[in-house]
Amino acid sequence: MRRVPCRPTRNGYRQRLEADRDAGAVTYSLWVDWFEDHVTSARAFAEVLGNDIDRVVAERSEALLRRARRVLECSGPVRWTVRELTYRTAMRLPALHSAVFRGLLASFHDVYGDLEPAAALTFLGRLDLPKNTQHLGELRHVLSAGHKNHYRSPGAWDEALRSCS
């Protein structure tokens, strides 16, 4: 059985996610090592962001916002019920809207992605995004049709691309 990151590991992830340097290796590790595994994803997500989202919104420090953006963007495989409240709270900050969008988009496209189409569509409608945001129309299209995941509805994205072009 896989274990959830211990405190030193969790703190290391959090520090790297807050740092003003490339965190690609850390976000990739979160995505594939912790978030794609449903045994570890809920606790790992809570430890790196979920438990702190109210603090992120209240303090709005650049380091906390950087961590929140990075985690939200790679959170697609985390069960929807685990991250829905965190997304809802993050949406109170326009600075996190693009990261929430990318998390929703990743959730639709990831093999292990999980989302609730009606709730995700509601969130999408509340995000303040540029009109020319790439794949905004397509995501809206697939969610409106009730699709949960690209791999469970293989033709849905292609249909959305044709419909939105």
N, C-alpha and C. Protein backbone atom coordinates (compact mmCIF):
# COMPACT_ATOMS: atom_id res chain seq x y z
N MET A 1 0.84 -1.18 0.00
CA MET A 1 0.00 0.00 0.00
C MET A 1 0.88 1.24 0.00
N ARG A 2 0.49 2.20 -0.79
CA ARG A 2 1.22 3.45 -0.90
C ARG A 2 0.90 4.38 0.26
N ARG A 3 1.87 5.05 0.73
CA ARG A 3 1.68 5.96 1.86
C ARG A 3 1.60 7.39 1.36
N VAL A 4 0.93 8.21 2.11
CA VAL A 4 0.83 9.64 1.82
C VAL A 4 2.11 10.30 2.28
N PRO A 5 2.51 11.40 1.64
CA PRO A 5 3.78 12.04 2.02
C PRO A 5 3.85 12.38 3.50
N CYS A 6 4.99 12.08 4.11
CA CYS A 6 5.18 12.44 5.52
C CYS A 6 5.42 13.94 5.62
N ARG A 7 5.41 14.46 6.83
CA ARG A 7 5.52 15.90 7.05
C ARG A 7 6.73 16.53 6.37
N PRO A 8 7.94 15.96 6.51
CA PRO A 8 9.08 16.61 5.82
C PRO A 8 8.90 16.64 4.30
N THR A 9 8.36 15.57 3.73
CA THR A 9 8.13 15.54 2.30
C THR A 9 7.09 16.57 1.92
N ARG A 10 5.99 16.60 2.65
CA ARG A 10 4.92 17.57 2.38
C ARG A 10 5.46 18.99 2.48
N ASN A 11 6.22 19.27 3.51
CA ASN A 11 6.78 20.61 3.67
C ASN A 11 7.74 20.95 2.53
N GLY A 12 8.50 19.96 2.07
CA GLY A 12 9.39 20.18 0.94
C GLY A 12 8.61 20.52 -0.33
N TYR A 13 7.52 19.79 -0.57
CA TYR A 13 6.67 20.09 -1.72
C TYR A 13 6.14 21.52 -1.61
N ARG A 14 5.63 21.87 -0.46
CA ARG A 14 5.03 23.19 -0.28
C ARG A 14 6.07 24.30 -0.51
N GLN A 15 7.27 24.11 0.02
CA GLN A 15 8.32 25.11 -0.17
C GLN A 15 8.70 25.26 -1.64
N ARG A 16 8.85 24.13 -2.34
CA ARG A 16 9.20 24.19 -3.76
C ARG A 16 8.09 24.81 -4.59
N LEU A 17 6.82 24.54 -4.22
CA LEU A 17 5.69 25.09 -4.95
C LEU A 17 5.56 26.60 -4.73
N GLU A 18 6.03 27.08 -3.60
CA GLU A 18 5.97 28.52 -3.29
C GLU A 18 7.16 29.28 -3.84
N ALA A 19 8.23 28.58 -4.16
CA ALA A 19 9.47 29.23 -4.58
C ALA A 19 9.32 29.90 -5.94
N ASP A 20 10.06 30.99 -6.09
CA ASP A 20 10.05 31.74 -7.35
C ASP A 20 11.06 31.14 -8.32
N ARG A 21 10.85 29.88 -8.65
CA ARG A 21 11.69 29.18 -9.64
C ARG A 21 10.84 28.07 -10.24
N ASP A 22 11.34 27.46 -11.28
CA ASP A 22 10.62 26.40 -11.97
C ASP A 22 10.27 25.28 -10.99
N ALA A 23 9.03 24.85 -11.03
CA ALA A 23 8.56 23.77 -10.15
C ALA A 23 7.98 22.62 -10.98
N GLY A 24 8.37 22.53 -12.24
CA GLY A 24 7.83 21.50 -13.12
C GLY A 24 7.99 20.09 -12.59
N ALA A 25 9.14 19.78 -12.04
CA ALA A 25 9.37 18.43 -11.52
C ALA A 25 8.47 18.15 -10.32
N VAL A 26 8.25 19.16 -9.51
CA VAL A 26 7.42 19.00 -8.32
C VAL A 26 5.95 18.83 -8.71
N THR A 27 5.46 19.66 -9.62
CA THR A 27 4.06 19.52 -10.03
C THR A 27 3.84 18.20 -10.77
N TYR A 28 4.81 17.78 -11.56
CA TYR A 28 4.69 16.48 -12.24
C TYR A 28 4.63 15.36 -11.21
N SER A 29 5.47 15.42 -10.20
CA SER A 29 5.46 14.41 -9.15
C SER A 29 4.12 14.40 -8.40
N LEU A 30 3.61 15.58 -8.08
CA LEU A 30 2.29 15.64 -7.44
C LEU A 30 1.25 14.95 -8.31
N TRP A 31 1.26 15.30 -9.59
CA TRP A 31 0.27 14.78 -10.52
C TRP A 31 0.33 13.26 -10.60
N VAL A 32 1.50 12.72 -10.94
CA VAL A 32 1.57 11.28 -11.22
C VAL A 32 1.85 10.40 -10.01
N ASP A 33 2.55 10.93 -9.02
CA ASP A 33 2.87 10.11 -7.85
C ASP A 33 1.79 10.14 -6.78
N TRP A 34 1.12 11.28 -6.63
CA TRP A 34 0.18 11.42 -5.52
C TRP A 34 -1.26 11.64 -5.97
N PHE A 35 -1.49 12.51 -6.96
CA PHE A 35 -2.87 12.85 -7.33
C PHE A 35 -3.55 11.79 -8.19
N GLU A 36 -2.81 11.06 -8.99
CA GLU A 36 -3.44 10.02 -9.81
C GLU A 36 -3.76 8.76 -9.02
N ASP A 37 -3.25 8.63 -7.83
CA ASP A 37 -3.51 7.46 -6.98
C ASP A 37 -4.63 7.81 -6.01
N HIS A 38 -5.79 7.19 -6.19
CA HIS A 38 -6.93 7.55 -5.34
C HIS A 38 -6.75 7.17 -3.88
N VAL A 39 -5.75 6.35 -3.57
CA VAL A 39 -5.44 6.03 -2.18
C VAL A 39 -4.77 7.22 -1.51
N THR A 40 -3.96 7.97 -2.26
CA THR A 40 -3.17 9.05 -1.68
C THR A 40 -3.67 10.45 -2.05
N SER A 41 -4.49 10.57 -3.07
CA SER A 41 -4.79 11.89 -3.64
C SER A 41 -5.51 12.83 -2.68
N ALA A 42 -6.48 12.35 -1.94
CA ALA A 42 -7.25 13.26 -1.06
C ALA A 42 -6.36 13.88 0.00
N ARG A 43 -5.59 13.06 0.66
CA ARG A 43 -4.73 13.60 1.71
C ARG A 43 -3.61 14.46 1.14
N ALA A 44 -3.02 14.01 0.03
CA ALA A 44 -1.94 14.79 -0.58
C ALA A 44 -2.46 16.16 -1.01
N PHE A 45 -3.63 16.20 -1.65
CA PHE A 45 -4.21 17.47 -2.08
C PHE A 45 -4.48 18.37 -0.87
N ALA A 46 -5.05 17.81 0.17
CA ALA A 46 -5.33 18.58 1.39
C ALA A 46 -4.04 19.14 1.98
N GLU A 47 -2.99 18.32 1.99
CA GLU A 47 -1.73 18.72 2.61
C GLU A 47 -1.01 19.83 1.84
N VAL A 48 -1.09 19.80 0.51
CA VAL A 48 -0.36 20.82 -0.25
C VAL A 48 -1.18 22.06 -0.57
N LEU A 49 -2.54 21.97 -0.47
CA LEU A 49 -3.35 23.16 -0.74
C LEU A 49 -4.68 23.20 0.00
N GLY A 50 -5.45 22.13 -0.06
CA GLY A 50 -6.82 22.15 0.45
C GLY A 50 -6.97 22.69 1.86
N ASN A 51 -6.09 22.29 2.76
CA ASN A 51 -6.18 22.76 4.14
C ASN A 51 -5.81 24.24 4.29
N ASP A 52 -5.14 24.80 3.29
CA ASP A 52 -4.65 26.18 3.36
C ASP A 52 -5.40 27.17 2.48
N ILE A 53 -6.39 26.74 1.74
CA ILE A 53 -6.98 27.63 0.74
C ILE A 53 -7.58 28.88 1.36
N ASP A 54 -8.17 28.78 2.53
CA ASP A 54 -8.70 29.98 3.18
C ASP A 54 -7.58 30.97 3.52
N ARG A 55 -6.45 30.44 3.94
CA ARG A 55 -5.28 31.30 4.24
C ARG A 55 -4.76 31.95 2.96
N VAL A 56 -4.71 31.19 1.88
CA VAL A 56 -4.26 31.73 0.59
C VAL A 56 -5.14 32.91 0.19
N VAL A 57 -6.45 32.74 0.30
CA VAL A 57 -7.39 33.79 -0.10
C VAL A 57 -7.28 34.99 0.83
N ALA A 58 -7.09 34.75 2.12
CA ALA A 58 -7.01 35.85 3.08
C ALA A 58 -5.70 36.63 2.96
N GLU A 59 -4.59 35.92 2.87
CA GLU A 59 -3.27 36.58 2.88
C GLU A 59 -2.84 37.08 1.51
N ARG A 60 -3.13 36.33 0.48
CA ARG A 60 -2.81 36.70 -0.90
C ARG A 60 -1.34 36.99 -1.14
N SER A 61 -0.47 36.35 -0.38
CA SER A 61 0.96 36.56 -0.63
C SER A 61 1.32 35.91 -1.96
N GLU A 62 2.32 36.44 -2.60
CA GLU A 62 2.72 35.91 -3.90
C GLU A 62 3.16 34.46 -3.79
N ALA A 63 3.86 34.09 -2.73
CA ALA A 63 4.31 32.71 -2.56
C ALA A 63 3.11 31.76 -2.41
N LEU A 64 2.14 32.14 -1.61
CA LEU A 64 0.95 31.28 -1.43
C LEU A 64 0.14 31.19 -2.73
N LEU A 65 0.02 32.30 -3.45
CA LEU A 65 -0.70 32.28 -4.72
C LEU A 65 0.03 31.40 -5.74
N ARG A 66 1.35 31.46 -5.74
CA ARG A 66 2.13 30.63 -6.66
C ARG A 66 1.87 29.15 -6.36
N ARG A 67 1.88 28.77 -5.08
CA ARG A 67 1.61 27.38 -4.71
C ARG A 67 0.20 26.99 -5.12
N ALA A 68 -0.76 27.85 -4.85
CA ALA A 68 -2.15 27.55 -5.19
C ALA A 68 -2.31 27.35 -6.69
N ARG A 69 -1.73 28.24 -7.49
CA ARG A 69 -1.83 28.12 -8.95
C ARG A 69 -1.27 26.78 -9.42
N ARG A 70 -0.10 26.47 -8.93
CA ARG A 70 0.57 25.25 -9.38
C ARG A 70 -0.22 23.99 -8.98
N VAL A 71 -0.75 23.97 -7.80
CA VAL A 71 -1.51 22.80 -7.35
C VAL A 71 -2.83 22.70 -8.10
N LEU A 72 -3.54 23.81 -8.23
CA LEU A 72 -4.82 23.79 -8.94
C LEU A 72 -4.64 23.28 -10.37
N GLU A 73 -3.60 23.72 -11.04
CA GLU A 73 -3.38 23.34 -12.43
C GLU A 73 -3.12 21.85 -12.62
N CYS A 74 -2.56 21.19 -11.63
CA CYS A 74 -2.25 19.76 -11.78
C CYS A 74 -3.21 18.88 -10.97
N SER A 75 -4.31 19.44 -10.50
CA SER A 75 -5.21 18.70 -9.61
C SER A 75 -6.28 17.90 -10.32
N GLY A 76 -6.26 17.85 -11.64
CA GLY A 76 -7.29 17.16 -12.40
C GLY A 76 -7.62 15.74 -11.96
N PRO A 77 -6.63 14.92 -11.60
CA PRO A 77 -6.95 13.55 -11.21
C PRO A 77 -7.55 13.40 -9.80
N VAL A 78 -7.46 14.42 -8.99
CA VAL A 78 -8.02 14.34 -7.63
C VAL A 78 -9.54 14.28 -7.74
N ARG A 79 -10.15 13.42 -6.97
CA ARG A 79 -11.61 13.29 -7.04
C ARG A 79 -12.28 14.64 -6.88
N TRP A 80 -13.33 14.85 -7.68
CA TRP A 80 -14.07 16.10 -7.68
C TRP A 80 -14.57 16.44 -6.28
N THR A 81 -15.09 15.48 -5.57
CA THR A 81 -15.63 15.74 -4.23
C THR A 81 -14.57 16.21 -3.26
N VAL A 82 -13.33 15.85 -3.51
CA VAL A 82 -12.21 16.26 -2.65
C VAL A 82 -11.83 17.71 -2.92
N ARG A 83 -11.85 18.13 -4.18
CA ARG A 83 -11.33 19.46 -4.51
C ARG A 83 -12.39 20.51 -4.79
N GLU A 84 -13.65 20.12 -4.84
CA GLU A 84 -14.70 21.08 -5.19
C GLU A 84 -14.72 22.30 -4.25
N LEU A 85 -14.66 22.09 -2.96
CA LEU A 85 -14.68 23.22 -2.03
C LEU A 85 -13.44 24.09 -2.19
N THR A 86 -12.30 23.48 -2.43
CA THR A 86 -11.07 24.25 -2.64
C THR A 86 -11.20 25.10 -3.89
N TYR A 87 -11.75 24.54 -4.97
CA TYR A 87 -11.97 25.30 -6.19
C TYR A 87 -12.94 26.46 -5.91
N ARG A 88 -14.02 26.16 -5.22
CA ARG A 88 -15.02 27.19 -4.91
C ARG A 88 -14.38 28.35 -4.14
N THR A 89 -13.54 28.01 -3.18
CA THR A 89 -12.86 29.05 -2.38
C THR A 89 -11.84 29.80 -3.24
N ALA A 90 -11.09 29.08 -4.06
CA ALA A 90 -10.09 29.72 -4.93
C ALA A 90 -10.74 30.70 -5.89
N MET A 91 -11.97 30.42 -6.29
CA MET A 91 -12.65 31.29 -7.25
C MET A 91 -12.96 32.66 -6.66
N ARG A 92 -12.84 32.82 -5.37
CA ARG A 92 -13.05 34.14 -4.76
C ARG A 92 -11.91 35.10 -5.13
N LEU A 93 -10.81 34.56 -5.62
CA LEU A 93 -9.67 35.39 -6.02
C LEU A 93 -9.50 35.35 -7.54
N PRO A 94 -9.75 36.45 -8.22
CA PRO A 94 -9.56 36.48 -9.67
C PRO A 94 -8.16 36.04 -10.10
N ALA A 95 -7.17 36.25 -9.25
CA ALA A 95 -5.80 35.85 -9.57
C ALA A 95 -5.66 34.33 -9.73
N LEU A 96 -6.64 33.57 -9.25
CA LEU A 96 -6.59 32.11 -9.36
C LEU A 96 -7.55 31.56 -10.41
N HIS A 97 -8.29 32.43 -11.08
CA HIS A 97 -9.29 31.96 -12.05
C HIS A 97 -8.66 31.14 -13.19
N SER A 98 -7.56 31.59 -13.73
CA SER A 98 -6.92 30.85 -14.83
C SER A 98 -6.44 29.48 -14.35
N ALA A 99 -5.95 29.40 -13.13
CA ALA A 99 -5.49 28.12 -12.59
C ALA A 99 -6.67 27.17 -12.37
N VAL A 100 -7.80 27.69 -11.92
CA VAL A 100 -8.99 26.85 -11.77
C VAL A 100 -9.42 26.35 -13.15
N PHE A 101 -9.41 27.23 -14.14
CA PHE A 101 -9.76 26.81 -15.50
C PHE A 101 -8.84 25.69 -15.97
N ARG A 102 -7.55 25.86 -15.80
CA ARG A 102 -6.61 24.84 -16.25
C ARG A 102 -6.79 23.52 -15.48
N GLY A 103 -7.17 23.62 -14.21
CA GLY A 103 -7.48 22.42 -13.44
C GLY A 103 -8.71 21.70 -13.99
N LEU A 104 -9.74 22.47 -14.36
CA LEU A 104 -10.94 21.88 -14.95
C LEU A 104 -10.62 21.23 -16.29
N LEU A 105 -9.86 21.93 -17.10
CA LEU A 105 -9.49 21.40 -18.41
C LEU A 105 -8.66 20.12 -18.27
N ALA A 106 -7.69 20.15 -17.37
CA ALA A 106 -6.86 18.96 -17.12
C ALA A 106 -7.71 17.81 -16.59
N SER A 107 -8.67 18.13 -15.78
CA SER A 107 -9.55 17.10 -15.24
C SER A 107 -10.31 16.40 -16.34
N PHE A 108 -10.76 17.15 -17.33
CA PHE A 108 -11.48 16.54 -18.44
C PHE A 108 -10.56 15.66 -19.27
N HIS A 109 -9.32 16.09 -19.48
CA HIS A 109 -8.41 15.38 -20.39
C HIS A 109 -7.58 14.28 -19.74
N ASP A 110 -7.36 14.31 -18.45
CA ASP A 110 -6.52 13.31 -17.80
C ASP A 110 -7.21 11.95 -17.77
N VAL A 111 -6.45 10.89 -17.97
CA VAL A 111 -7.00 9.54 -17.92
C VAL A 111 -7.74 9.31 -16.61
N TYR A 112 -7.19 9.80 -15.51
CA TYR A 112 -7.79 9.63 -14.20
C TYR A 112 -8.62 10.83 -13.77
N GLY A 113 -8.82 11.77 -14.67
CA GLY A 113 -9.54 12.99 -14.35
C GLY A 113 -10.95 12.71 -13.85
N ASP A 114 -11.39 13.57 -12.95
CA ASP A 114 -12.71 13.39 -12.36
C ASP A 114 -13.34 14.76 -12.18
N LEU A 115 -14.54 14.92 -12.71
CA LEU A 115 -15.29 16.14 -12.47
C LEU A 115 -16.78 15.86 -12.60
N GLU A 116 -17.55 16.74 -12.05
CA GLU A 116 -19.01 16.70 -12.15
C GLU A 116 -19.38 17.77 -13.17
N PRO A 117 -19.86 17.37 -14.35
CA PRO A 117 -20.07 18.34 -15.43
C PRO A 117 -20.93 19.54 -15.07
N ALA A 118 -22.06 19.35 -14.39
CA ALA A 118 -22.94 20.48 -14.07
C ALA A 118 -22.25 21.47 -13.14
N ALA A 119 -21.60 20.97 -12.10
CA ALA A 119 -20.90 21.85 -11.15
C ALA A 119 -19.72 22.54 -11.84
N ALA A 120 -18.97 21.78 -12.63
CA ALA A 120 -17.82 22.36 -13.33
C ALA A 120 -18.27 23.43 -14.31
N LEU A 121 -19.39 23.22 -14.97
CA LEU A 121 -19.93 24.22 -15.89
C LEU A 121 -20.33 25.49 -15.14
N THR A 122 -20.92 25.33 -13.97
CA THR A 122 -21.26 26.49 -13.14
C THR A 122 -20.00 27.25 -12.75
N PHE A 123 -18.96 26.52 -12.33
CA PHE A 123 -17.69 27.17 -11.99
C PHE A 123 -17.14 27.91 -13.20
N LEU A 124 -17.15 27.25 -14.33
CA LEU A 124 -16.63 27.84 -15.56
C LEU A 124 -17.33 29.16 -15.87
N GLY A 125 -18.64 29.21 -15.65
CA GLY A 125 -19.40 30.43 -15.90
C GLY A 125 -19.08 31.56 -14.95
N ARG A 126 -18.50 31.26 -13.82
CA ARG A 126 -18.16 32.28 -12.82
C ARG A 126 -16.72 32.78 -12.91
N LEU A 127 -15.93 32.12 -13.75
CA LEU A 127 -14.53 32.52 -13.88
C LEU A 127 -14.41 33.73 -14.79
N ASP A 128 -13.61 34.69 -14.37
CA ASP A 128 -13.33 35.87 -15.18
C ASP A 128 -12.09 35.56 -16.02
N LEU A 129 -12.36 35.11 -17.25
CA LEU A 129 -11.29 34.71 -18.16
C LEU A 129 -11.37 35.55 -19.43
N PRO A 130 -10.24 35.76 -20.08
CA PRO A 130 -10.28 36.45 -21.37
C PRO A 130 -11.16 35.66 -22.35
N LYS A 131 -11.88 36.35 -23.18
CA LYS A 131 -12.77 35.71 -24.16
C LYS A 131 -12.02 34.77 -25.09
N ASN A 132 -10.75 35.09 -25.36
CA ASN A 132 -9.96 34.27 -26.28
C ASN A 132 -9.18 33.15 -25.56
N THR A 133 -9.59 32.78 -24.35
CA THR A 133 -8.92 31.71 -23.61
C THR A 133 -9.01 30.42 -24.41
N GLN A 134 -7.87 29.85 -24.71
CA GLN A 134 -7.82 28.64 -25.53
C GLN A 134 -8.58 27.50 -24.86
N HIS A 135 -9.47 26.90 -25.60
CA HIS A 135 -10.29 25.74 -25.22
C HIS A 135 -11.42 26.06 -24.25
N LEU A 136 -11.68 27.34 -23.98
CA LEU A 136 -12.80 27.71 -23.12
C LEU A 136 -14.13 27.26 -23.74
N GLY A 137 -14.34 27.56 -25.00
CA GLY A 137 -15.58 27.18 -25.68
C GLY A 137 -15.74 25.67 -25.76
N GLU A 138 -14.66 24.98 -26.07
CA GLU A 138 -14.72 23.53 -26.17
C GLU A 138 -15.05 22.88 -24.82
N LEU A 139 -14.43 23.39 -23.76
CA LEU A 139 -14.71 22.83 -22.44
C LEU A 139 -16.17 23.10 -22.06
N ARG A 140 -16.63 24.29 -22.33
CA ARG A 140 -18.03 24.62 -22.06
C ARG A 140 -18.96 23.67 -22.83
N HIS A 141 -18.60 23.39 -24.08
CA HIS A 141 -19.40 22.51 -24.93
C HIS A 141 -19.50 21.09 -24.35
N VAL A 142 -18.36 20.50 -23.98
CA VAL A 142 -18.40 19.12 -23.47
C VAL A 142 -19.08 19.03 -22.12
N LEU A 143 -18.89 20.05 -21.29
CA LEU A 143 -19.55 20.04 -19.98
C LEU A 143 -21.06 20.21 -20.14
N SER A 144 -21.46 21.08 -21.05
CA SER A 144 -22.90 21.29 -21.31
C SER A 144 -23.56 20.00 -21.78
N ALA A 145 -22.81 19.18 -22.49
CA ALA A 145 -23.34 17.90 -22.98
C ALA A 145 -23.29 16.81 -21.91
N GLY A 146 -22.74 17.15 -20.74
CA GLY A 146 -22.70 16.20 -19.63
C GLY A 146 -21.54 15.23 -19.62
N HIS A 147 -20.50 15.52 -20.40
CA HIS A 147 -19.33 14.63 -20.45
C HIS A 147 -18.43 14.87 -19.25
N LYS A 148 -17.98 13.78 -18.65
CA LYS A 148 -17.12 13.84 -17.46
C LYS A 148 -15.63 13.76 -17.77
N ASN A 149 -15.31 13.09 -18.89
CA ASN A 149 -13.91 12.79 -19.13
C ASN A 149 -13.71 12.45 -20.60
N HIS A 150 -12.63 12.94 -21.15
CA HIS A 150 -12.27 12.69 -22.56
C HIS A 150 -12.21 11.19 -22.88
N TYR A 151 -11.70 10.41 -21.95
CA TYR A 151 -11.50 8.98 -22.21
C TYR A 151 -12.78 8.18 -22.05
N ARG A 152 -13.74 8.71 -21.34
CA ARG A 152 -15.05 8.04 -21.23
C ARG A 152 -15.98 8.45 -22.36
N SER A 153 -15.66 9.57 -23.01
CA SER A 153 -16.44 10.08 -24.15
C SER A 153 -15.46 10.47 -25.25
N PRO A 154 -14.85 9.50 -25.91
CA PRO A 154 -13.74 9.79 -26.82
C PRO A 154 -14.04 10.75 -27.96
N GLY A 155 -15.23 10.79 -28.47
CA GLY A 155 -15.52 11.68 -29.59
C GLY A 155 -15.99 13.06 -29.19
N ALA A 156 -16.24 13.27 -27.91
CA ALA A 156 -16.83 14.53 -27.44
C ALA A 156 -15.92 15.73 -27.70
N TRP A 157 -14.62 15.59 -27.47
CA TRP A 157 -13.72 16.73 -27.66
C TRP A 157 -13.60 17.10 -29.13
N ASP A 158 -13.51 16.10 -29.98
CA ASP A 158 -13.44 16.36 -31.42
C ASP A 158 -14.71 17.09 -31.89
N GLU A 159 -15.85 16.66 -31.40
CA GLU A 159 -17.12 17.32 -31.72
C GLU A 159 -17.08 18.78 -31.23
N ALA A 160 -16.56 18.99 -30.03
CA ALA A 160 -16.47 20.35 -29.48
C ALA A 160 -15.54 21.21 -30.33
N LEU A 161 -14.44 20.65 -30.78
CA LEU A 161 -13.52 21.39 -31.65
C LEU A 161 -14.20 21.81 -32.94
N ARG A 162 -14.95 20.89 -33.54
CA ARG A 162 -15.66 21.22 -34.78
C ARG A 162 -16.74 22.25 -34.51
N SER A 163 -17.45 22.10 -33.43
CA SER A 163 -18.55 22.98 -33.10
C SER A 163 -18.09 24.40 -32.77
N CYS A 164 -16.92 24.51 -32.17
CA CYS A 164 -16.44 25.82 -31.70
C CYS A 164 -15.49 26.50 -32.67
N SER A 165 -15.21 25.88 -33.81
CA SER A 165 -14.26 26.52 -34.75
C SER A 165 -14.95 27.48 -35.68
